[in-house]
């Protein structure tokens, strides 16, 4: 708070101390200098230069920019998005031409290539014919299936995190832990679980359990258990003491006090935390899929490696639509439950 010294001022005036002194100014200068050094190390100067070039290009002062060309090539590659699935008939086992999938058809495509005739030394055209099974909405349905798997991974990871974090939270709450050693052990465990990024743990879990959703569920669930354990424990410690003291005065056990006096207070916050973790797990399930932990991320990585960017565009659109829809559902659930 700014000090007022009316006795040191002239009659009828009030002198206020400055809001800062030379120490604060020196601290700001040192912090600014260190930030400038750090910004240079992480190439913020290059970011400013390229962004400025892109803005000037949009205003017509320069012909083009690296950022504009890169974004332009990306947009051209991603759109229009792929909707249909096209597979060569010879690579489909046990294809029944009389019982094709719904809306599917078989297309015959002829291509011409030239080979050198060693007798006449002339290029001879050779016509090749290939048949493809074309499903007009096949790839879109495939992406929807992978997105459902991603949501399932996030859901089971959230359930796992709640089951793990609930007992850890009680042990990590200073006012309910049975022993001080258990308190430090529980606090250390939640810190350890939070410290390991999901992508890193997914890499090791894929080696242990193989490619698929199991590694994704475990990676997301363990990481989220660290966050929920910390949040749950802090809410238990911060709960209003008066209802707890009233029950203790009536002879209630510690477990009964926790269930009857603490949980009703913290339940709304617990619901909000859990819904947030579920929303976060849906997004992170896409990321861990990049290393083979199942879901739509695995499909995204495969298509990206094959340079099928129109398929990548389809995946990105579906991910955006799903996250937006889940965000709306989560907001409605919060409004009803809280």
Protein backbone atom coordinates (compact mmCIF):
# COMPACT_ATOMS: atom_id res chain seq x y z
CA UNK A 1 0.00 0.00 0.00
CA UNK A 2 1.29 3.46 -0.89
CA UNK A 3 2.28 5.44 2.17
CA UNK A 4 0.96 8.96 2.82
CA UNK A 5 3.08 11.47 4.76
CA UNK A 6 1.00 14.59 5.35
CA UNK A 7 3.43 15.85 8.00
CA UNK A 8 6.29 16.07 5.54
CA UNK A 9 4.27 17.95 2.94
CA UNK A 10 3.45 21.58 2.63
CA UNK A 11 0.26 22.76 4.37
CA UNK A 12 -2.82 21.69 2.42
CA UNK A 13 -0.98 19.10 0.29
CA UNK A 14 -0.41 15.37 0.58
CA UNK A 15 2.76 13.69 -0.70
CA UNK A 16 2.56 10.10 -1.87
CA UNK A 17 5.56 7.79 -1.99
CA UNK A 18 6.41 6.60 -5.53
CA UNK A 19 5.00 3.15 -6.35
CA UNK A 20 8.52 1.86 -7.03
CA UNK A 21 12.08 2.53 -5.99
CA UNK A 22 15.49 2.02 -7.58
CA UNK A 23 15.55 -1.64 -6.54
CA UNK A 24 12.33 -2.39 -8.39
CA UNK A 25 13.58 -0.50 -11.46
CA UNK A 26 16.86 -2.44 -11.38
CA UNK A 27 14.97 -5.73 -11.05
CA UNK A 28 12.81 -4.87 -14.07
CA UNK A 29 15.89 -4.00 -16.13
CA UNK A 30 17.66 -7.24 -15.20
CA UNK A 31 14.54 -9.28 -15.94
CA UNK A 32 14.12 -7.54 -19.30
CA UNK A 33 17.76 -8.20 -20.21
CA UNK A 34 17.45 -11.89 -19.32
CA UNK A 35 14.24 -12.17 -21.34
CA UNK A 36 15.99 -10.63 -24.35
CA UNK A 37 18.77 -13.21 -24.08
CA UNK A 38 16.25 -16.01 -23.71
CA UNK A 39 14.21 -14.71 -26.66
CA UNK A 40 17.29 -14.78 -28.85
CA UNK A 41 18.04 -18.36 -27.79
CA UNK A 42 14.54 -19.54 -28.75
CA UNK A 43 14.65 -17.56 -32.05
CA UNK A 44 11.98 -15.02 -31.20
CA UNK A 45 13.86 -12.50 -33.33
CA UNK A 46 13.44 -14.83 -36.32
CA UNK A 47 9.75 -15.20 -35.48
CA UNK A 48 9.30 -11.41 -35.46
CA UNK A 49 11.17 -11.07 -38.77
CA UNK A 50 9.17 -13.79 -40.56
CA UNK A 51 5.85 -12.52 -39.15
CA UNK A 52 6.67 -8.98 -40.25
CA UNK A 53 7.55 -10.23 -43.72
CA UNK A 54 4.21 -12.09 -43.91
CA UNK A 55 2.29 -8.95 -42.88
CA UNK A 56 4.14 -6.83 -45.44
CA UNK A 57 3.36 -9.42 -48.11
CA UNK A 58 -0.33 -9.23 -47.28
CA UNK A 59 -0.21 -5.45 -47.53
CA UNK A 60 1.51 -5.68 -50.91
CA UNK A 61 4.87 -4.16 -49.93
CA UNK A 62 6.83 -7.34 -50.74
CA UNK A 63 6.15 -10.05 -53.31
CA UNK A 64 5.89 -13.01 -50.96
CA UNK A 65 6.93 -14.47 -47.63
CA UNK A 66 8.20 -17.77 -46.32
CA UNK A 67 5.28 -18.05 -43.89
CA UNK A 68 2.71 -17.33 -46.59
CA UNK A 69 4.19 -19.85 -49.00
CA UNK A 70 4.37 -22.52 -46.31
CA UNK A 71 0.79 -21.99 -45.14
CA UNK A 72 -0.43 -21.84 -48.74
CA UNK A 73 1.16 -25.18 -49.62
CA UNK A 74 -0.27 -26.73 -46.46
CA UNK A 75 -3.83 -25.54 -47.16
CA UNK A 76 -3.62 -26.71 -50.78
CA UNK A 77 -2.45 -30.14 -49.61
CA UNK A 78 -5.07 -30.58 -46.88
CA UNK A 79 -8.11 -29.45 -48.87
CA UNK A 80 -10.32 -30.69 -50.36
CA UNK A 81 -10.46 -33.39 -47.72
CA UNK A 82 -10.72 -37.08 -48.58
CA UNK A 83 -14.11 -38.70 -48.03
CA UNK A 84 -14.07 -41.81 -50.18
CA UNK A 85 -12.01 -44.96 -49.67
CA UNK A 86 -10.33 -46.45 -52.74
CA UNK A 87 -8.67 -49.89 -52.57
CA UNK A 88 -7.25 -52.09 -55.29
CA UNK A 89 -9.42 -55.16 -55.77
CA UNK A 90 -6.48 -57.56 -56.03
CA UNK A 91 -5.41 -56.56 -52.49
CA UNK A 92 -8.80 -57.32 -50.91
CA UNK A 93 -9.10 -60.88 -49.67
CA UNK A 94 -12.39 -62.75 -50.20
CA UNK A 95 -14.14 -59.94 -52.03
CA UNK A 96 -17.68 -60.90 -53.04
CA UNK A 97 -18.59 -58.82 -56.07
CA UNK A 98 -22.27 -59.62 -55.54
CA UNK A 99 -22.26 -58.32 -51.93
CA UNK A 100 -20.37 -55.06 -51.95
CA UNK A 101 -20.56 -52.62 -49.01
CA UNK A 102 -23.34 -50.04 -49.06
CA UNK A 103 -22.96 -47.42 -51.80
CA UNK A 104 -19.73 -49.10 -52.98
CA UNK A 105 -18.82 -49.72 -56.60
CA UNK A 106 -16.00 -51.22 -58.62
CA UNK A 107 -14.13 -48.94 -60.99
CA UNK A 108 -11.80 -50.01 -63.77
CA UNK A 109 -8.98 -47.61 -64.53
CA UNK A 110 -6.70 -48.01 -67.53
CA UNK A 111 -3.22 -46.53 -67.54
CA UNK A 112 -0.72 -46.40 -70.37
CA UNK A 113 3.01 -46.83 -69.90
CA UNK A 114 5.78 -47.07 -72.46
CA UNK A 115 8.46 -49.71 -72.72
CA UNK A 116 11.44 -49.87 -75.02
CA UNK A 117 11.25 -52.55 -77.70
CA UNK A 118 14.78 -53.90 -77.93
CA UNK A 119 14.19 -55.14 -81.47
CA UNK A 120 12.97 -51.95 -83.04
CA UNK A 121 14.39 -49.63 -80.34
CA UNK A 122 11.05 -47.84 -80.27
CA UNK A 123 8.79 -46.99 -77.35
CA UNK A 124 5.79 -49.32 -77.32
CA UNK A 125 2.65 -48.30 -75.42
CA UNK A 126 1.36 -50.87 -72.96
CA UNK A 127 -2.12 -50.47 -71.51
CA UNK A 128 -2.66 -51.74 -67.98
CA UNK A 129 -6.07 -52.11 -66.36
CA UNK A 130 -6.71 -52.11 -62.62
CA UNK A 131 -9.91 -52.48 -60.67
CA UNK A 132 -10.63 -50.50 -57.51
CA UNK A 133 -13.31 -50.88 -54.87
CA UNK A 134 -14.62 -47.37 -54.29
CA UNK A 135 -16.65 -46.58 -51.15
CA UNK A 136 -17.97 -42.98 -51.45
CA UNK A 137 -17.97 -42.38 -47.68
CA UNK A 138 -15.65 -45.18 -46.69
CA UNK A 139 -12.78 -43.11 -45.35
CA UNK A 140 -15.09 -40.77 -43.46
CA UNK A 141 -16.66 -43.78 -41.70
CA UNK A 142 -13.18 -45.11 -40.97
CA UNK A 143 -12.17 -41.82 -39.35
CA UNK A 144 -15.39 -41.76 -37.32
CA UNK A 145 -14.57 -45.26 -36.06
CA UNK A 146 -11.09 -44.16 -35.03
CA UNK A 147 -12.54 -41.09 -33.33
CA UNK A 148 -14.92 -43.28 -31.32
CA UNK A 149 -11.92 -45.36 -30.25
CA UNK A 150 -10.15 -42.16 -29.21
CA UNK A 151 -13.13 -41.12 -27.07
CA UNK A 152 -13.20 -44.59 -25.51
CA UNK A 153 -9.50 -44.31 -24.65
CA UNK A 154 -10.11 -40.93 -23.02
CA UNK A 155 -13.15 -42.22 -21.11
CA UNK A 156 -11.38 -45.27 -19.68
CA UNK A 157 -8.30 -43.18 -18.89
CA UNK A 158 -10.51 -40.77 -16.93
CA UNK A 159 -12.14 -43.63 -15.03
CA UNK A 160 -8.70 -45.06 -14.22
CA UNK A 161 -7.44 -41.67 -13.04
CA UNK A 162 -10.44 -41.16 -10.71
CA UNK A 163 -10.07 -44.65 -9.21
CA UNK A 164 -6.36 -44.09 -8.59
CA UNK A 165 -6.54 -40.50 -7.38
CA UNK A 166 -9.40 -40.90 -4.86
CA UNK A 167 -7.43 -42.97 -2.28
CA UNK A 168 -4.22 -41.07 -3.04
CA UNK A 169 -6.01 -37.78 -2.32
CA UNK A 170 -7.03 -38.93 1.18
CA UNK A 171 -3.45 -39.98 1.94
CA UNK A 172 -2.12 -36.71 0.49
CA UNK A 173 -4.46 -34.53 2.59
CA UNK A 174 -2.58 -33.39 5.72
CA UNK A 175 -5.71 -33.41 7.90
CA UNK A 176 -6.80 -36.97 6.99
CA UNK A 177 -3.65 -38.97 6.24
CA UNK A 178 -3.11 -41.78 8.76
CA UNK A 179 0.62 -41.08 9.07
CA UNK A 180 3.03 -38.33 8.09
CA UNK A 181 5.15 -40.80 6.11
CA UNK A 182 2.11 -41.75 4.01
CA UNK A 183 1.45 -38.05 3.42
CA UNK A 184 4.91 -37.47 1.95
CA UNK A 185 4.75 -40.71 -0.03
CA UNK A 186 1.37 -39.76 -1.55
CA UNK A 187 2.53 -36.23 -2.34
CA UNK A 188 5.66 -37.62 -3.96
CA UNK A 189 3.59 -40.05 -6.02
CA UNK A 190 1.25 -37.39 -7.43
CA UNK A 191 4.26 -35.20 -8.25
CA UNK A 192 5.93 -38.14 -10.02
CA UNK A 193 2.82 -38.93 -12.07
CA UNK A 194 2.45 -35.28 -13.11
CA UNK A 195 6.12 -34.93 -13.98
CA UNK A 196 6.06 -37.58 -16.72
CA UNK A 197 4.40 -36.29 -19.93
CA UNK A 198 1.82 -38.58 -21.48
CA UNK A 199 3.77 -38.85 -24.72
CA UNK A 200 6.90 -40.04 -22.92
CA UNK A 201 5.08 -42.64 -20.82
CA UNK A 202 3.17 -43.79 -23.92
CA UNK A 203 6.50 -44.52 -25.67
CA UNK A 204 7.52 -46.94 -22.89
CA UNK A 205 4.04 -48.42 -22.48
CA UNK A 206 3.88 -49.19 -26.21
CA UNK A 207 7.08 -51.19 -25.78
CA UNK A 208 5.51 -53.07 -22.86
CA UNK A 209 1.96 -53.65 -24.15
CA UNK A 210 2.42 -53.24 -27.90
CA UNK A 211 0.63 -50.91 -30.29
CA UNK A 212 -2.98 -50.22 -29.41
CA UNK A 213 -5.30 -48.45 -26.98
CA UNK A 214 -3.99 -50.12 -23.79
CA UNK A 215 -0.85 -47.99 -23.82
CA UNK A 216 -2.92 -44.86 -24.43
CA UNK A 217 -5.32 -45.59 -21.57
CA UNK A 218 -2.48 -46.20 -19.11
CA UNK A 219 -0.43 -43.18 -20.23
CA UNK A 220 -3.36 -40.78 -19.96
CA UNK A 221 -4.82 -42.33 -16.83
CA UNK A 222 -1.59 -42.27 -14.83
CA UNK A 223 -0.76 -38.70 -15.79
CA UNK A 224 -4.29 -37.47 -15.01
CA UNK A 225 -4.24 -39.32 -11.67
CA UNK A 226 -1.35 -37.06 -10.63
CA UNK A 227 -3.37 -33.93 -11.34
CA UNK A 228 -6.61 -35.16 -9.81
CA UNK A 229 -4.81 -36.49 -6.73
CA UNK A 230 -3.31 -33.06 -6.11
CA UNK A 231 -6.55 -31.16 -6.72
CA UNK A 232 -8.67 -33.57 -4.69
CA UNK A 233 -6.25 -33.47 -1.74
CA UNK A 234 -6.05 -29.67 -1.68
CA UNK A 235 -9.84 -29.38 -1.67
CA UNK A 236 -10.07 -31.82 1.23
CA UNK A 237 -7.59 -29.70 3.19
CA UNK A 238 -9.43 -26.47 2.35
CA UNK A 239 -12.92 -27.75 3.25
CA UNK A 240 -14.85 -25.82 5.90
CA UNK A 241 -13.78 -27.06 9.36
CA UNK A 242 -17.01 -26.29 11.23
CA UNK A 243 -19.13 -29.21 9.92
CA UNK A 244 -16.19 -31.52 10.55
CA UNK A 245 -15.75 -30.32 14.11
CA UNK A 246 -19.49 -30.74 14.77
CA UNK A 247 -19.42 -34.38 13.67
CA UNK A 248 -16.27 -35.10 15.66
CA UNK A 249 -17.97 -33.63 18.74
CA UNK A 250 -20.75 -36.18 18.24
CA UNK A 251 -18.20 -38.99 18.20
CA UNK A 252 -18.09 -39.66 14.44
CA UNK A 253 -15.09 -41.49 13.06
CA UNK A 254 -12.64 -39.83 10.69
CA UNK A 255 -14.03 -41.79 7.75
CA UNK A 256 -17.60 -40.77 8.63
CA UNK A 257 -16.54 -37.13 8.91
CA UNK A 258 -14.85 -37.35 5.51
CA UNK A 259 -17.92 -38.86 3.89
CA UNK A 260 -20.58 -36.69 5.54
CA UNK A 261 -18.86 -33.32 6.09
CA UNK A 262 -16.14 -33.07 3.45
CA UNK A 263 -17.37 -34.85 0.33
CA UNK A 264 -20.61 -32.80 0.02
CA UNK A 265 -18.47 -29.65 0.04
CA UNK A 266 -15.90 -30.79 -2.50
CA UNK A 267 -18.22 -32.77 -4.82
CA UNK A 268 -19.01 -29.83 -7.19
CA UNK A 269 -15.31 -29.05 -7.61
CA UNK A 270 -14.55 -32.76 -8.13
CA UNK A 271 -17.12 -32.93 -10.92
CA UNK A 272 -15.59 -29.89 -12.60
CA UNK A 273 -12.06 -31.33 -12.33
CA UNK A 274 -13.14 -34.69 -13.72
CA UNK A 275 -14.99 -33.17 -16.68
CA UNK A 276 -11.95 -31.05 -17.47
CA UNK A 277 -9.69 -34.12 -17.36
CA UNK A 278 -12.07 -35.99 -19.66
CA UNK A 279 -12.01 -33.11 -22.14
CA UNK A 280 -8.23 -32.94 -21.92
CA UNK A 281 -7.85 -36.69 -22.34
CA UNK A 282 -9.83 -36.60 -25.58
CA UNK A 283 -7.36 -34.13 -27.02
CA UNK A 284 -4.30 -35.87 -25.59
CA UNK A 285 -5.50 -39.27 -26.83
CA UNK A 286 -4.89 -37.91 -30.33
CA UNK A 287 -1.32 -37.00 -29.41
CA UNK A 288 -0.37 -40.31 -27.77
CA UNK A 289 -1.78 -42.07 -30.83
CA UNK A 290 1.12 -40.58 -32.81
CA UNK A 291 3.47 -43.03 -31.08
CA UNK A 292 1.19 -46.02 -31.64
CA UNK A 293 -1.07 -45.82 -28.58
CA UNK A 294 -4.27 -46.32 -30.57
CA UNK A 295 -7.01 -43.97 -31.63
CA UNK A 296 -7.17 -41.44 -34.40
CA UNK A 297 -3.63 -40.22 -33.74
CA UNK A 298 -2.26 -43.51 -35.05
CA UNK A 299 -4.26 -43.07 -38.24
CA UNK A 300 -3.06 -39.46 -38.51
CA UNK A 301 0.58 -40.50 -38.22
CA UNK A 302 0.19 -43.24 -40.84
CA UNK A 303 -1.45 -40.95 -43.40
CA UNK A 304 1.07 -38.19 -42.75
CA UNK A 305 3.98 -40.55 -43.32
CA UNK A 306 2.40 -41.62 -46.64
CA UNK A 307 2.04 -37.95 -47.70
CA UNK A 308 -1.74 -38.38 -48.00
CA UNK A 309 -2.48 -34.88 -46.80
CA UNK A 310 -6.10 -34.88 -48.00
CA UNK A 311 -6.71 -37.74 -45.56
CA UNK A 312 -4.89 -35.74 -42.87
CA UNK A 313 -7.29 -32.86 -43.56
CA UNK A 314 -10.28 -35.16 -43.00
CA UNK A 315 -8.82 -36.30 -39.68
CA UNK A 316 -8.19 -32.73 -38.51
CA UNK A 317 -11.73 -31.65 -39.37
CA UNK A 318 -13.22 -34.60 -37.47
CA UNK A 319 -10.99 -33.91 -34.45
CA UNK A 320 -12.05 -30.26 -34.38
CA UNK A 321 -15.74 -31.13 -34.69
CA UNK A 322 -15.48 -33.75 -31.93
CA UNK A 323 -13.64 -31.48 -29.50
CA UNK A 324 -16.12 -28.67 -30.14
CA UNK A 325 -19.10 -30.99 -29.60
CA UNK A 326 -17.65 -32.47 -26.41
CA UNK A 327 -16.93 -28.98 -25.10
CA UNK A 328 -20.59 -28.05 -25.55
CA UNK A 329 -21.75 -31.26 -23.85
CA UNK A 330 -19.32 -30.70 -20.98
CA UNK A 331 -20.55 -27.13 -20.50
CA UNK A 332 -24.16 -28.34 -20.30
CA UNK A 333 -23.22 -31.06 -17.80
CA UNK A 334 -21.43 -28.51 -15.61
CA UNK A 335 -24.48 -26.24 -15.70
CA UNK A 336 -26.75 -29.10 -14.60
CA UNK A 337 -24.50 -30.67 -11.97
CA UNK A 338 -22.95 -27.60 -10.37
